[in-house]
Amino acid sequence: TRLGEFEILALLGVGGFGMVYKAFDHSLHRAVAIKEFMPSALVARLADGALQVRSPADQPAFLAGLNSFVGEARLLAQFDHPSLVKVFRFWETNNTAYMVMPLYSGMTFKQARAQMRTPPPEEW
C-alpha cells in the first residue's frame, strides 16, 4: 500500500485508537514508522482505504479524537528531545490522519519488562 511517497511494509502494532506501520520513505530513502488515527470501535475501513464512522452518533467523538491526534502531531513536530518521539511530518487524508516518525528497532517495553524479575527503577 502507498500513502504518497510512503510504502507500507508491515503492521507493527495496534491499539485502541490507532495503528503503527513500518514504511519506507521513497523521497528520503529511509525506513520510518507511520501512526494512523484509527479508532476501530468508531470506524470501519472502506475498500478505498478511507475510514467511515460506523454511526452518526459516533461522529462527534471521532472528530474530537482526530483533532486531538493532529494536535499531538503538531506539538511533537515542534520538539527535538531524546525523551520525545520526533514527528517528521503529518497529514490528513482518507478521513483520518497520519504522522511519520523515526523507526526504532529493538524490543518493546512490554518485552523488556517480561525479562525483568522486578519493576525497573525510576531512572531506568
PDB file of N, CA and C in Angstrom:
ATOM      1  N   THR A   1       0.845  -1.183   0.000  1.00  0.00           N
ATOM      2  CA  THR A   1       0.000   0.000   0.000  1.00  0.00           C
ATOM      3  C   THR A   1       0.880   1.233   0.000  1.00  0.00           C
ATOM      4  N   ARG A   2       0.475   2.241  -0.736  1.00  0.00           N
ATOM      5  CA  ARG A   2       1.210   3.506  -0.783  1.00  0.00           C
ATOM      6  C   ARG A   2       0.363   4.613  -0.174  1.00  0.00           C
ATOM      7  N   LEU A   3       1.036   5.476   0.573  1.00  0.00           N
ATOM      8  CA  LEU A   3       0.471   6.718   1.086  1.00  0.00           C
ATOM      9  C   LEU A   3       1.406   7.808   0.606  1.00  0.00           C
ATOM     10  N   GLY A   4       1.142   8.343  -0.559  1.00  0.00           N
ATOM     11  CA  GLY A   4       2.055   9.322  -1.146  1.00  0.00           C
ATOM     12  C   GLY A   4       3.397   8.692  -1.405  1.00  0.00           C
ATOM     13  N   GLU A   5       4.451   9.298  -0.844  1.00  0.00           N
ATOM     14  CA  GLU A   5       5.804   8.776  -1.054  1.00  0.00           C
ATOM     15  C   GLU A   5       6.147   7.619  -0.116  1.00  0.00           C
ATOM     16  N   PHE A   6       5.224   7.228   0.752  1.00  0.00           N
ATOM     17  CA  PHE A   6       5.482   6.179   1.731  1.00  0.00           C
ATOM     18  C   PHE A   6       4.883   4.852   1.287  1.00  0.00           C
ATOM     19  N   GLU A   7       5.675   3.810   1.379  1.00  0.00           N
ATOM     20  CA  GLU A   7       5.227   2.459   1.068  1.00  0.00           C
ATOM     21  C   GLU A   7       5.089   1.692   2.380  1.00  0.00           C
ATOM     22  N   ILE A   8       3.882   1.232   2.674  1.00  0.00           N
ATOM     23  CA  ILE A   8       3.631   0.474   3.894  1.00  0.00           C
ATOM     24  C   ILE A   8       4.200  -0.923   3.716  1.00  0.00           C
ATOM     25  N   LEU A   9       5.060  -1.340   4.652  1.00  0.00           N
ATOM     26  CA  LEU A   9       5.725  -2.638   4.556  1.00  0.00           C
ATOM     27  C   LEU A   9       5.162  -3.671   5.531  1.00  0.00           C
ATOM     28  N   ALA A  10       4.746  -3.221   6.715  1.00  0.00           N
ATOM     29  CA  ALA A  10       4.259  -4.168   7.725  1.00  0.00           C
ATOM     30  C   ALA A  10       3.471  -3.423   8.790  1.00  0.00           C
ATOM     31  N   LEU A  11       2.620  -4.153   9.465  1.00  0.00           N
ATOM     32  CA  LEU A  11       1.894  -3.639  10.622  1.00  0.00           C
ATOM     33  C   LEU A  11       2.734  -3.938  11.857  1.00  0.00           C
ATOM     34  N   LEU A  12       3.073  -2.898  12.626  1.00  0.00           N
ATOM     35  CA  LEU A  12       3.900  -3.082  13.821  1.00  0.00           C
ATOM     36  C   LEU A  12       3.079  -3.211  15.096  1.00  0.00           C
ATOM     37  N   GLY A  13       1.959  -2.504  15.162  1.00  0.00           N
ATOM     38  CA  GLY A  13       1.173  -2.550  16.380  1.00  0.00           C
ATOM     39  C   GLY A  13      -0.205  -1.966  16.190  1.00  0.00           C
ATOM     40  N   VAL A  14      -1.116  -2.400  17.051  1.00  0.00           N
ATOM     41  CA  VAL A  14      -2.495  -1.927  17.017  1.00  0.00           C
ATOM     42  C   VAL A  14      -2.908  -1.588  18.434  1.00  0.00           C
ATOM     43  N   GLY A  15      -3.527  -0.423  18.593  1.00  0.00           N
ATOM     44  CA  GLY A  15      -4.064  -0.011  19.886  1.00  0.00           C
ATOM     45  C   GLY A  15      -5.509   0.381  19.720  1.00  0.00           C
ATOM     46  N   GLY A  16      -6.097   0.872  20.779  1.00  0.00           N
ATOM     47  CA  GLY A  16      -7.499   1.247  20.746  1.00  0.00           C
ATOM     48  C   GLY A  16      -7.805   2.409  19.815  1.00  0.00           C
ATOM     49  N   PHE A  17      -6.820   3.276  19.595  1.00  0.00           N
ATOM     50  CA  PHE A  17      -7.075   4.461  18.785  1.00  0.00           C
ATOM     51  C   PHE A  17      -6.179   4.579  17.568  1.00  0.00           C
ATOM     52  N   GLY A  18      -5.371   3.565  17.306  1.00  0.00           N
ATOM     53  CA  GLY A  18      -4.510   3.710  16.147  1.00  0.00           C
ATOM     54  C   GLY A  18      -3.748   2.462  15.790  1.00  0.00           C
ATOM     55  N   MET A  19      -3.054   2.591  14.660  1.00  0.00           N
ATOM     56  CA  MET A  19      -2.219   1.525  14.148  1.00  0.00           C
ATOM     57  C   MET A  19      -0.874   2.130  13.793  1.00  0.00           C
ATOM     58  N   VAL A  20       0.187   1.341  13.958  1.00  0.00           N
ATOM     59  CA  VAL A  20       1.526   1.800  13.599  1.00  0.00           C
ATOM     60  C   VAL A  20       2.090   0.840  12.563  1.00  0.00           C
ATOM     61  N   TYR A  21       2.616   1.426  11.493  1.00  0.00           N
ATOM     62  CA  TYR A  21       3.141   0.654  10.383  1.00  0.00           C
ATOM     63  C   TYR A  21       4.631   0.904  10.197  1.00  0.00           C
ATOM     64  N   LYS A  22       5.336  -0.102   9.741  1.00  0.00           N
ATOM     65  CA  LYS A  22       6.690   0.074   9.235  1.00  0.00           C
ATOM     66  C   LYS A  22       6.525   0.478   7.781  1.00  0.00           C
ATOM     67  N   ALA A  23       7.247   1.526   7.369  1.00  0.00           N
ATOM     68  CA  ALA A  23       7.099   2.020   5.999  1.00  0.00           C
ATOM     69  C   ALA A  23       8.452   2.449   5.461  1.00  0.00           C
ATOM     70  N   PHE A  24       8.493   2.641   4.164  1.00  0.00           N
ATOM     71  CA  PHE A  24       9.699   3.147   3.508  1.00  0.00           C
ATOM     72  C   PHE A  24       9.360   4.465   2.838  1.00  0.00           C
ATOM     73  N   ASP A  25      10.166   5.476   3.144  1.00  0.00           N
ATOM     74  CA  ASP A  25      10.006   6.810   2.561  1.00  0.00           C
ATOM     75  C   ASP A  25      10.803   6.844   1.262  1.00  0.00           C
ATOM     76  N   HIS A  26      10.111   6.825   0.137  1.00  0.00           N
ATOM     77  CA  HIS A  26      10.787   6.796  -1.163  1.00  0.00           C
ATOM     78  C   HIS A  26      11.414   8.143  -1.527  1.00  0.00           C
ATOM     79  N   SER A  27      10.994   9.222  -0.886  1.00  0.00           N
ATOM     80  CA  SER A  27      11.614  10.527  -1.147  1.00  0.00           C
ATOM     81  C   SER A  27      12.968  10.641  -0.478  1.00  0.00           C
ATOM     82  N   LEU A  28      13.052  10.230   0.767  1.00  0.00           N
ATOM     83  CA  LEU A  28      14.294  10.377   1.535  1.00  0.00           C
ATOM     84  C   LEU A  28      15.049   9.062   1.693  1.00  0.00           C
ATOM     85  N   HIS A  29      14.532   7.990   1.124  1.00  0.00           N
ATOM     86  CA  HIS A  29      15.196   6.680   1.126  1.00  0.00           C
ATOM     87  C   HIS A  29      15.558   6.227   2.533  1.00  0.00           C
ATOM     88  N   ARG A  30      14.536   6.162   3.394  1.00  0.00           N
ATOM     89  CA  ARG A  30      14.763   5.695   4.761  1.00  0.00           C
ATOM     90  C   ARG A  30      13.510   4.993   5.284  1.00  0.00           C
ATOM     91  N   ALA A  31      13.749   4.102   6.238  1.00  0.00           N
ATOM     92  CA  ALA A  31      12.637   3.421   6.910  1.00  0.00           C
ATOM     93  C   ALA A  31      12.047   4.361   7.952  1.00  0.00           C
ATOM     94  N   VAL A  32      10.741   4.336   8.090  1.00  0.00           N
ATOM     95  CA  VAL A  32      10.031   5.177   9.050  1.00  0.00           C
ATOM     96  C   VAL A  32       8.903   4.380   9.683  1.00  0.00           C
ATOM     97  N   ALA A  33       8.335   4.949  10.732  1.00  0.00           N
ATOM     98  CA  ALA A  33       7.109   4.425  11.333  1.00  0.00           C
ATOM     99  C   ALA A  33       6.007   5.423  11.020  1.00  0.00           C
ATOM    100  N   ILE A  34       4.848   4.924  10.659  1.00  0.00           N
ATOM    101  CA  ILE A  34       3.689   5.778  10.403  1.00  0.00           C
ATOM    102  C   ILE A  34       2.580   5.370  11.361  1.00  0.00           C
ATOM    103  N   LYS A  35       2.098   6.339  12.119  1.00  0.00           N
ATOM    104  CA  LYS A  35       0.984   6.105  13.027  1.00  0.00           C
ATOM    105  C   LYS A  35      -0.279   6.652  12.381  1.00  0.00           C
ATOM    106  N   GLU A  36      -1.310   5.841  12.352  1.00  0.00           N
ATOM    107  CA  GLU A  36      -2.592   6.229  11.768  1.00  0.00           C
ATOM    108  C   GLU A  36      -3.640   6.333  12.868  1.00  0.00           C
ATOM    109  N   PHE A  37      -4.425   7.407  12.853  1.00  0.00           N
ATOM    110  CA  PHE A  37      -5.565   7.517  13.764  1.00  0.00           C
ATOM    111  C   PHE A  37      -6.643   6.573  13.249  1.00  0.00           C
ATOM    112  N   MET A  38      -6.951   5.548  14.032  1.00  0.00           N
ATOM    113  CA  MET A  38      -7.897   4.525  13.585  1.00  0.00           C
ATOM    114  C   MET A  38      -8.617   3.939  14.793  1.00  0.00           C
ATOM    115  N   PRO A  39      -9.599   4.671  15.345  1.00  0.00           N
ATOM    116  CA  PRO A  39     -10.339   4.151  16.497  1.00  0.00           C
ATOM    117  C   PRO A  39     -11.335   3.085  16.044  1.00  0.00           C
ATOM    118  N   SER A  40     -10.917   1.840  16.087  1.00  0.00           N
ATOM    119  CA  SER A  40     -11.694   0.743  15.498  1.00  0.00           C
ATOM    120  C   SER A  40     -13.089   0.589  16.097  1.00  0.00           C
ATOM    121  N   ALA A  41     -13.311   1.077  17.301  1.00  0.00           N
ATOM    122  CA  ALA A  41     -14.655   0.996  17.889  1.00  0.00           C
ATOM    123  C   ALA A  41     -15.614   1.977  17.225  1.00  0.00           C
ATOM    124  N   LEU A  42     -15.069   3.007  16.568  1.00  0.00           N
ATOM    125  CA  LEU A  42     -15.909   4.055  15.987  1.00  0.00           C
ATOM    126  C   LEU A  42     -15.996   4.017  14.471  1.00  0.00           C
ATOM    127  N   VAL A  43     -15.016   3.392  13.805  1.00  0.00           N
ATOM    128  CA  VAL A  43     -14.944   3.473  12.345  1.00  0.00           C
ATOM    129  C   VAL A  43     -14.712   2.111  11.709  1.00  0.00           C
ATOM    130  N   ALA A  44     -14.947   2.065  10.412  1.00  0.00           N
ATOM    131  CA  ALA A  44     -14.631   0.902   9.589  1.00  0.00           C
ATOM    132  C   ALA A  44     -13.832   1.404   8.395  1.00  0.00           C
ATOM    133  N   ARG A  45     -12.965   0.544   7.869  1.00  0.00           N
ATOM    134  CA  ARG A  45     -12.180   0.911   6.694  1.00  0.00           C
ATOM    135  C   ARG A  45     -12.926   0.479   5.436  1.00  0.00           C
ATOM    136  N   LEU A  46     -13.051   1.407   4.506  1.00  0.00           N
ATOM    137  CA  LEU A  46     -13.703   1.125   3.227  1.00  0.00           C
ATOM    138  C   LEU A  46     -12.695   0.504   2.263  1.00  0.00           C
ATOM    139  N   ALA A  47     -13.170   0.009   1.146  1.00  0.00           N
ATOM    140  CA  ALA A  47     -12.308  -0.639   0.153  1.00  0.00           C
ATOM    141  C   ALA A  47     -11.226   0.290  -0.378  1.00  0.00           C
ATOM    142  N   ASP A  48     -11.494   1.592  -0.440  1.00  0.00           N
ATOM    143  CA  ASP A  48     -10.504   2.546  -0.950  1.00  0.00           C
ATOM    144  C   ASP A  48      -9.503   3.000   0.116  1.00  0.00           C
ATOM    145  N   GLY A  49      -9.595   2.446   1.348  1.00  0.00           N
ATOM    146  CA  GLY A  49      -8.670   2.795   2.416  1.00  0.00           C
ATOM    147  C   GLY A  49      -9.167   3.883   3.341  1.00  0.00           C
ATOM    148  N   ALA A  50     -10.212   4.574   2.949  1.00  0.00           N
ATOM    149  CA  ALA A  50     -10.754   5.652   3.785  1.00  0.00           C
ATOM    150  C   ALA A  50     -11.503   5.069   4.980  1.00  0.00           C
ATOM    151  N   LEU A  51     -11.602   5.867   6.031  1.00  0.00           N
ATOM    152  CA  LEU A  51     -12.373   5.462   7.195  1.00  0.00           C
ATOM    153  C   LEU A  51     -13.771   6.044   7.128  1.00  0.00           C
ATOM    154  N   GLN A  52     -14.736   5.287   7.630  1.00  0.00           N
ATOM    155  CA  GLN A  52     -16.118   5.748   7.691  1.00  0.00           C
ATOM    156  C   GLN A  52     -16.632   5.501   9.107  1.00  0.00           C
ATOM    157  N   VAL A  53     -17.199   6.527   9.703  1.00  0.00           N
ATOM    158  CA  VAL A  53     -17.758   6.408  11.044  1.00  0.00           C
ATOM    159  C   VAL A  53     -18.928   5.423  10.987  1.00  0.00           C
ATOM    160  N   ARG A  54     -18.978   4.515  11.959  1.00  0.00           N
ATOM    161  CA  ARG A  54     -19.996   3.456  11.966  1.00  0.00           C
ATOM    162  C   ARG A  54     -21.402   3.999  12.185  1.00  0.00           C
ATOM    163  N   SER A  55     -21.502   5.042  13.009  1.00  0.00           N
ATOM    164  CA  SER A  55     -22.816   5.588  13.343  1.00  0.00           C
ATOM    165  C   SER A  55     -22.718   7.104  13.413  1.00  0.00           C
ATOM    166  N   PRO A  56     -23.755   7.817  12.951  1.00  0.00           N
ATOM    167  CA  PRO A  56     -23.741   9.283  13.076  1.00  0.00           C
ATOM    168  C   PRO A  56     -23.544   9.739  14.528  1.00  0.00           C
ATOM    169  N   ALA A  57     -23.984   8.940  15.468  1.00  0.00           N
ATOM    170  CA  ALA A  57     -23.814   9.286  16.879  1.00  0.00           C
ATOM    171  C   ALA A  57     -22.339   9.285  17.297  1.00  0.00           C
ATOM    172  N   ASP A  58     -21.508   8.551  16.558  1.00  0.00           N
ATOM    173  CA  ASP A  58     -20.076   8.472  16.870  1.00  0.00           C
ATOM    174  C   ASP A  58     -19.268   9.598  16.234  1.00  0.00           C
ATOM    175  N   GLN A  59     -19.875  10.350  15.338  1.00  0.00           N
ATOM    176  CA  GLN A  59     -19.154  11.397  14.603  1.00  0.00           C
ATOM    177  C   GLN A  59     -18.485  12.422  15.528  1.00  0.00           C
ATOM    178  N   PRO A  60     -19.172  12.967  16.551  1.00  0.00           N
ATOM    179  CA  PRO A  60     -18.502  13.945  17.417  1.00  0.00           C
ATOM    180  C   PRO A  60     -17.271  13.372  18.139  1.00  0.00           C
ATOM    181  N   ALA A  61     -17.379  12.152  18.634  1.00  0.00           N
ATOM    182  CA  ALA A  61     -16.238  11.527  19.319  1.00  0.00           C
ATOM    183  C   ALA A  61     -15.091  11.292  18.351  1.00  0.00           C
ATOM    184  N   PHE A  62     -15.424  10.851  17.134  1.00  0.00           N
ATOM    185  CA  PHE A  62     -14.387  10.630  16.128  1.00  0.00           C
ATOM    186  C   PHE A  62     -13.667  11.929  15.797  1.00  0.00           C
ATOM    187  N   LEU A  63     -14.422  12.989  15.558  1.00  0.00           N
ATOM    188  CA  LEU A  63     -13.805  14.279  15.209  1.00  0.00           C
ATOM    189  C   LEU A  63     -12.970  14.836  16.356  1.00  0.00           C
ATOM    190  N   ALA A  64     -13.426  14.661  17.584  1.00  0.00           N
ATOM    191  CA  ALA A  64     -12.647  15.111  18.745  1.00  0.00           C
ATOM    192  C   ALA A  64     -11.329  14.348  18.823  1.00  0.00           C
ATOM    193  N   GLY A  65     -11.375  13.046  18.608  1.00  0.00           N
ATOM    194  CA  GLY A  65     -10.158  12.233  18.615  1.00  0.00           C
ATOM    195  C   GLY A  65      -9.221  12.595  17.487  1.00  0.00           C
ATOM    196  N   LEU A  66      -9.773  12.815  16.307  1.00  0.00           N
ATOM    197  CA  LEU A  66      -8.957  13.199  15.147  1.00  0.00           C
ATOM    198  C   LEU A  66      -8.264  14.541  15.402  1.00  0.00           C
ATOM    199  N   ASN A  67      -9.012  15.505  15.924  1.00  0.00           N
ATOM    200  CA  ASN A  67      -8.417  16.805  16.233  1.00  0.00           C
ATOM    201  C   ASN A  67      -7.328  16.689  17.287  1.00  0.00           C
ATOM    202  N   SER A  68      -7.529  15.828  18.265  1.00  0.00           N
ATOM    203  CA  SER A  68      -6.521  15.601  19.296  1.00  0.00           C
ATOM    204  C   SER A  68      -5.269  14.962  18.707  1.00  0.00           C
ATOM    205  N   PHE A  69      -5.444  13.992  17.817  1.00  0.00           N
ATOM    206  CA  PHE A  69      -4.321  13.314  17.161  1.00  0.00           C
ATOM    207  C   PHE A  69      -3.498  14.317  16.357  1.00  0.00           C
ATOM    208  N   VAL A  70      -4.163  15.150  15.575  1.00  0.00           N
ATOM    209  CA  VAL A  70      -3.468  16.167  14.768  1.00  0.00           C
ATOM    210  C   VAL A  70      -2.777  17.180  15.671  1.00  0.00           C
ATOM    211  N   GLY A  71      -3.426  17.571  16.754  1.00  0.00           N
ATOM    212  CA  GLY A  71      -2.804  18.498  17.699  1.00  0.00           C
ATOM    213  C   GLY A  71      -1.553  17.918  18.340  1.00  0.00           C
ATOM    214  N   GLU A  72      -1.616  16.626  18.695  1.00  0.00           N
ATOM    215  CA  GLU A  72      -0.450  15.948  19.263  1.00  0.00           C
ATOM    216  C   GLU A  72       0.689  15.907  18.245  1.00  0.00           C
ATOM    217  N   ALA A  73       0.369  15.563  17.016  1.00  0.00           N
ATOM    218  CA  ALA A  73       1.398  15.513  15.965  1.00  0.00           C
ATOM    219  C   ALA A  73       2.019  16.891  15.763  1.00  0.00           C
ATOM    220  N   ARG A  74       1.203  17.908  15.705  1.00  0.00           N
ATOM    221  CA  ARG A  74       1.687  19.274  15.508  1.00  0.00           C
ATOM    222  C   ARG A  74       2.602  19.698  16.664  1.00  0.00           C
ATOM    223  N   LEU A  75       2.212  19.359  17.877  1.00  0.00           N
ATOM    224  CA  LEU A  75       3.005  19.709  19.048  1.00  0.00           C
ATOM    225  C   LEU A  75       4.337  18.948  19.060  1.00  0.00           C
ATOM    226  N   LEU A  76       4.285  17.635  18.849  1.00  0.00           N
ATOM    227  CA  LEU A  76       5.512  16.836  18.851  1.00  0.00           C
ATOM    228  C   LEU A  76       6.478  17.253  17.748  1.00  0.00           C
ATOM    229  N   ALA A  77       5.955  17.692  16.616  1.00  0.00           N
ATOM    230  CA  ALA A  77       6.814  18.106  15.499  1.00  0.00           C
ATOM    231  C   ALA A  77       7.657  19.328  15.854  1.00  0.00           C
ATOM    232  N   GLN A  78       7.266  20.069  16.869  1.00  0.00           N
ATOM    233  CA  GLN A  78       7.996  21.276  17.260  1.00  0.00           C
ATOM    234  C   GLN A  78       9.204  20.973  18.138  1.00  0.00           C
ATOM    235  N   PHE A  79       9.295  19.760  18.670  1.00  0.00           N
ATOM    236  CA  PHE A  79      10.349  19.427  19.619  1.00  0.00           C
ATOM    237  C   PHE A  79      11.385  18.491  19.025  1.00  0.00           C
ATOM    238  N   ASP A  80      12.591  18.569  19.575  1.00  0.00           N
ATOM    239  CA  ASP A  80      13.667  17.641  19.243  1.00  0.00           C
ATOM    240  C   ASP A  80      14.362  17.308  20.554  1.00  0.00           C
ATOM    241  N   HIS A  81      13.836  16.313  21.257  1.00  0.00           N
ATOM    242  CA  HIS A  81      14.340  15.936  22.572  1.00  0.00           C
ATOM    243  C   HIS A  81      14.382  14.414  22.655  1.00  0.00           C
ATOM    244  N   PRO A  82      15.425  13.841  23.257  1.00  0.00           N
ATOM    245  CA  PRO A  82      15.547  12.373  23.292  1.00  0.00           C
ATOM    246  C   PRO A  82      14.422  11.657  24.036  1.00  0.00           C
ATOM    247  N   SER A  83      13.690  12.366  24.884  1.00  0.00           N
ATOM    248  CA  SER A  83      12.584  11.737  25.615  1.00  0.00           C
ATOM    249  C   SER A  83      11.263  11.788  24.857  1.00  0.00           C
ATOM    250  N   LEU A  84      11.239  12.487  23.730  1.00  0.00           N
ATOM    251  CA  LEU A  84      10.017  12.606  22.941  1.00  0.00           C
ATOM    252  C   LEU A  84      10.238  12.037  21.552  1.00  0.00           C
ATOM    253  N   VAL A  85       9.232  11.372  21.040  1.00  0.00           N
ATOM    254  CA  VAL A  85       9.336  10.867  19.676  1.00  0.00           C
ATOM    255  C   VAL A  85       9.339  12.062  18.726  1.00  0.00           C
ATOM    256  N   LYS A  86      10.163  11.991  17.703  1.00  0.00           N
ATOM    257  CA  LYS A  86      10.239  13.053  16.704  1.00  0.00           C
ATOM    258  C   LYS A  86       9.182  12.797  15.639  1.00  0.00           C
ATOM    259  N   VAL A  87       8.437  13.812  15.292  1.00  0.00           N
ATOM    260  CA  VAL A  87       7.471  13.702  14.202  1.00  0.00           C
ATOM    261  C   VAL A  87       8.047  14.434  12.999  1.00  0.00           C
ATOM    262  N   PHE A  88       8.304  13.685  11.926  1.00  0.00           N
ATOM    263  CA  PHE A  88       8.857  14.279  10.708  1.00  0.00           C
ATOM    264  C   PHE A  88       7.802  15.079   9.948  1.00  0.00           C
ATOM    265  N   ARG A  89       6.613  14.508   9.870  1.00  0.00           N
ATOM    266  CA  ARG A  89       5.503  15.201   9.203  1.00  0.00           C
ATOM    267  C   ARG A  89       4.201  14.520   9.559  1.00  0.00           C
ATOM    268  N   PHE A  90       3.105  15.202   9.293  1.00  0.00           N
ATOM    269  CA  PHE A  90       1.778  14.635   9.492  1.00  0.00           C
ATOM    270  C   PHE A  90       0.855  15.223   8.439  1.00  0.00           C
ATOM    271  N   TRP A  91      -0.219  14.520   8.175  1.00  0.00           N
ATOM    272  CA  TRP A  91      -1.199  14.999   7.204  1.00  0.00           C
ATOM    273  C   TRP A  91      -2.524  14.275   7.422  1.00  0.00           C
ATOM    274  N   GLU A  92      -3.566  14.844   6.823  1.00  0.00           N
ATOM    275  CA  GLU A  92      -4.898  14.249   6.881  1.00  0.00           C
ATOM    276  C   GLU A  92      -5.317  13.836   5.479  1.00  0.00           C
ATOM    277  N   THR A  93      -5.821  12.638   5.360  1.00  0.00           N
ATOM    278  CA  THR A  93      -6.406  12.105   4.135  1.00  0.00           C
ATOM    279  C   THR A  93      -7.187  10.855   4.512  1.00  0.00           C
ATOM    280  N   ASN A  94      -8.002  10.345   3.607  1.00  0.00           N
ATOM    281  CA  ASN A  94      -8.770   9.113   3.840  1.00  0.00           C
ATOM    282  C   ASN A  94      -9.685   9.226   5.063  1.00  0.00           C
ATOM    283  N   ASN A  95     -10.115  10.446   5.395  1.00  0.00           N
ATOM    284  CA  ASN A  95     -10.964  10.700   6.560  1.00  0.00           C
ATOM    285  C   ASN A  95     -10.265  10.306   7.863  1.00  0.00           C
ATOM    286  N   THR A  96      -8.937  10.434   7.870  1.00  0.00           N
ATOM    287  CA  THR A  96      -8.146  10.153   9.065  1.00  0.00           C
ATOM    288  C   THR A  96      -6.880  10.988   9.012  1.00  0.00           C
ATOM    289  N   ALA A  97      -5.935  10.708   9.896  1.00  0.00           N
ATOM    290  CA  ALA A  97      -4.668  11.437   9.915  1.00  0.00           C
ATOM    291  C   ALA A  97      -3.526  10.458  10.153  1.00  0.00           C
ATOM    292  N   TYR A  98      -2.347  10.874   9.727  1.00  0.00           N
ATOM    293  CA  TYR A  98      -1.136  10.064   9.841  1.00  0.00           C
ATOM    294  C   TYR A  98      -0.007  10.931  10.365  1.00  0.00           C
ATOM    295  N   MET A  99       0.906  10.325  11.136  1.00  0.00           N
ATOM    296  CA  MET A  99       2.145  11.019  11.494  1.00  0.00           C
ATOM    297  C   MET A  99       3.315  10.089  11.217  1.00  0.00           C
ATOM    298  N   VAL A 100       4.372  10.676  10.675  1.00  0.00           N
ATOM    299  CA  VAL A 100       5.573   9.929  10.302  1.00  0.00           C
ATOM    300  C   VAL A 100       6.649  10.200  11.341  1.00  0.00           C
ATOM    301  N   MET A 101       7.241   9.121  11.855  1.00  0.00           N
ATOM    302  CA  MET A 101       8.228   9.199  12.921  1.00  0.00           C
ATOM    303  C   MET A 101       9.416   8.309  12.585  1.00  0.00           C
ATOM    304  N   PRO A 102      10.516   8.456  13.322  1.00  0.00           N
ATOM    305  CA  PRO A 102      11.635   7.531  13.113  1.00  0.00           C
ATOM    306  C   PRO A 102      11.203   6.105  13.429  1.00  0.00           C
ATOM    307  N   LEU A 103      11.812   5.156  12.750  1.00  0.00           N
ATOM    308  CA  LEU A 103      11.572   3.744  13.039  1.00  0.00           C
ATOM    309  C   LEU A 103      12.699   3.265  13.936  1.00  0.00           C
ATOM    310  N   TYR A 104      12.364   2.888  15.146  1.00  0.00           N
ATOM    311  CA  TYR A 104      13.354   2.400  16.097  1.00  0.00           C
ATOM    312  C   TYR A 104      13.291   0.885  16.151  1.00  0.00           C
ATOM    313  N   SER A 105      14.448   0.251  16.179  1.00  0.00           N
ATOM    314  CA  SER A 105      14.480  -1.204  16.304  1.00  0.00           C
ATOM    315  C   SER A 105      14.760  -1.559  17.757  1.00  0.00           C
ATOM    316  N   GLY A 106      14.417  -2.755  18.115  1.00  0.00           N
ATOM    317  CA  GLY A 106      14.637  -3.210  19.482  1.00  0.00           C
ATOM    318  C   GLY A 106      13.365  -3.791  20.051  1.00  0.00           C
ATOM    319  N   MET A 107      13.421  -4.110  21.333  1.00  0.00           N
ATOM    320  CA  MET A 107      12.256  -4.718  21.962  1.00  0.00           C
ATOM    321  C   MET A 107      11.335  -3.644  22.526  1.00  0.00           C
ATOM    322  N   THR A 108      10.100  -4.020  22.685  1.00  0.00           N
ATOM    323  CA  THR A 108       9.129  -3.113  23.280  1.00  0.00           C
ATOM    324  C   THR A 108       9.337  -3.081  24.795  1.00  0.00           C
ATOM    325  N   PHE A 109       8.730  -2.099  25.445  1.00  0.00           N
ATOM    326  CA  PHE A 109       8.801  -2.042  26.896  1.00  0.00           C
ATOM    327  C   PHE A 109       8.200  -3.309  27.500  1.00  0.00           C
ATOM    328  N   LYS A 110       7.108  -3.767  26.931  1.00  0.00           N
ATOM    329  CA  LYS A 110       6.459  -4.974  27.443  1.00  0.00           C
ATOM    330  C   LYS A 110       7.405  -6.178  27.356  1.00  0.00           C
ATOM    331  N   GLN A 111       8.141  -6.300  26.262  1.00  0.00           N
ATOM    332  CA  GLN A 111       9.096  -7.394  26.114  1.00  0.00           C
ATOM    333  C   GLN A 111      10.244  -7.264  27.107  1.00  0.00           C
ATOM    334  N   ALA A 112      10.750  -6.041  27.290  1.00  0.00           N
ATOM    335  CA  ALA A 112      11.840  -5.817  28.242  1.00  0.00           C
ATOM    336  C   ALA A 112      11.380  -6.120  29.663  1.00  0.00           C
ATOM    337  N   ARG A 113      10.184  -5.679  29.990  1.00  0.00           N
ATOM    338  CA  ARG A 113       9.642  -5.895  31.339  1.00  0.00           C
ATOM    339  C   ARG A 113       9.454  -7.379  31.622  1.00  0.00           C
ATOM    340  N   ALA A 114       9.073  -8.151  30.614  1.00  0.00           N
ATOM    341  CA  ALA A 114       8.870  -9.587  30.794  1.00  0.00           C
ATOM    342  C   ALA A 114      10.180 -10.295  31.158  1.00  0.00           C
ATOM    343  N   GLN A 115      11.305  -9.721  30.798  1.00  0.00           N
ATOM    344  CA  GLN A 115      12.610 -10.319  31.100  1.00  0.00           C
ATOM    345  C   GLN A 115      13.154  -9.889  32.464  1.00  0.00           C
ATOM    346  N   MET A 116      12.482  -8.977  33.133  1.00  0.00           N
ATOM    347  CA  MET A 116      12.941  -8.472  34.435  1.00  0.00           C
ATOM    348  C   MET A 116      12.241  -9.195  35.570  1.00  0.00           C
ATOM    349  N   ARG A 117      12.976  -9.411  36.650  1.00  0.00           N
ATOM    350  CA  ARG A 117      12.383 -10.047  37.828  1.00  0.00           C
ATOM    351  C   ARG A 117      11.567  -9.066  38.643  1.00  0.00           C
ATOM    352  N   THR A 118      11.968  -7.805  38.639  1.00  0.00           N
ATOM    353  CA  THR A 118      11.273  -6.768  39.393  1.00  0.00           C
ATOM    354  C   THR A 118      11.067  -5.562  38.479  1.00  0.00           C
ATOM    355  N   PRO A 119      10.162  -4.679  38.829  1.00  0.00           N
ATOM    356  CA  PRO A 119       9.986  -3.469  38.008  1.00  0.00           C
ATOM    357  C   PRO A 119      11.285  -2.676  37.947  1.00  0.00           C
ATOM    358  N   PRO A 120      11.512  -1.973  36.855  1.00  0.00           N
ATOM    359  CA  PRO A 120      12.744  -1.201  36.736  1.00  0.00           C
ATOM    360  C   PRO A 120      12.735  -0.012  37.690  1.00  0.00           C
ATOM    361  N   PRO A 121      13.922   0.452  38.105  1.00  0.00           N
ATOM    362  CA  PRO A 121      13.965   1.639  38.948  1.00  0.00           C
ATOM    363  C   PRO A 121      13.558   2.876  38.143  1.00  0.00           C
ATOM    364  N   GLU A 122      13.220   3.933  38.847  1.00  0.00           N
ATOM    365  CA  GLU A 122      12.738   5.165  38.204  1.00  0.00           C
ATOM    366  C   GLU A 122      13.719   5.686  37.157  1.00  0.00           C
ATOM    367  N   GLU A 123      15.016   5.668  37.440  1.00  0.00           N
ATOM    368  CA  GLU A 123      15.999   6.199  36.490  1.00  0.00           C
ATOM    369  C   GLU A 123      16.088   5.377  35.209  1.00  0.00           C
ATOM    370  N   TRP A 124      15.641   4.116  35.235  1.00  0.00           N
ATOM    371  CA  TRP A 124      15.645   3.289  34.030  1.00  0.00           C
ATOM    372  C   TRP A 124      14.670   3.830  33.039  1.00  0.00           C
TER     373      TRP A 124
END
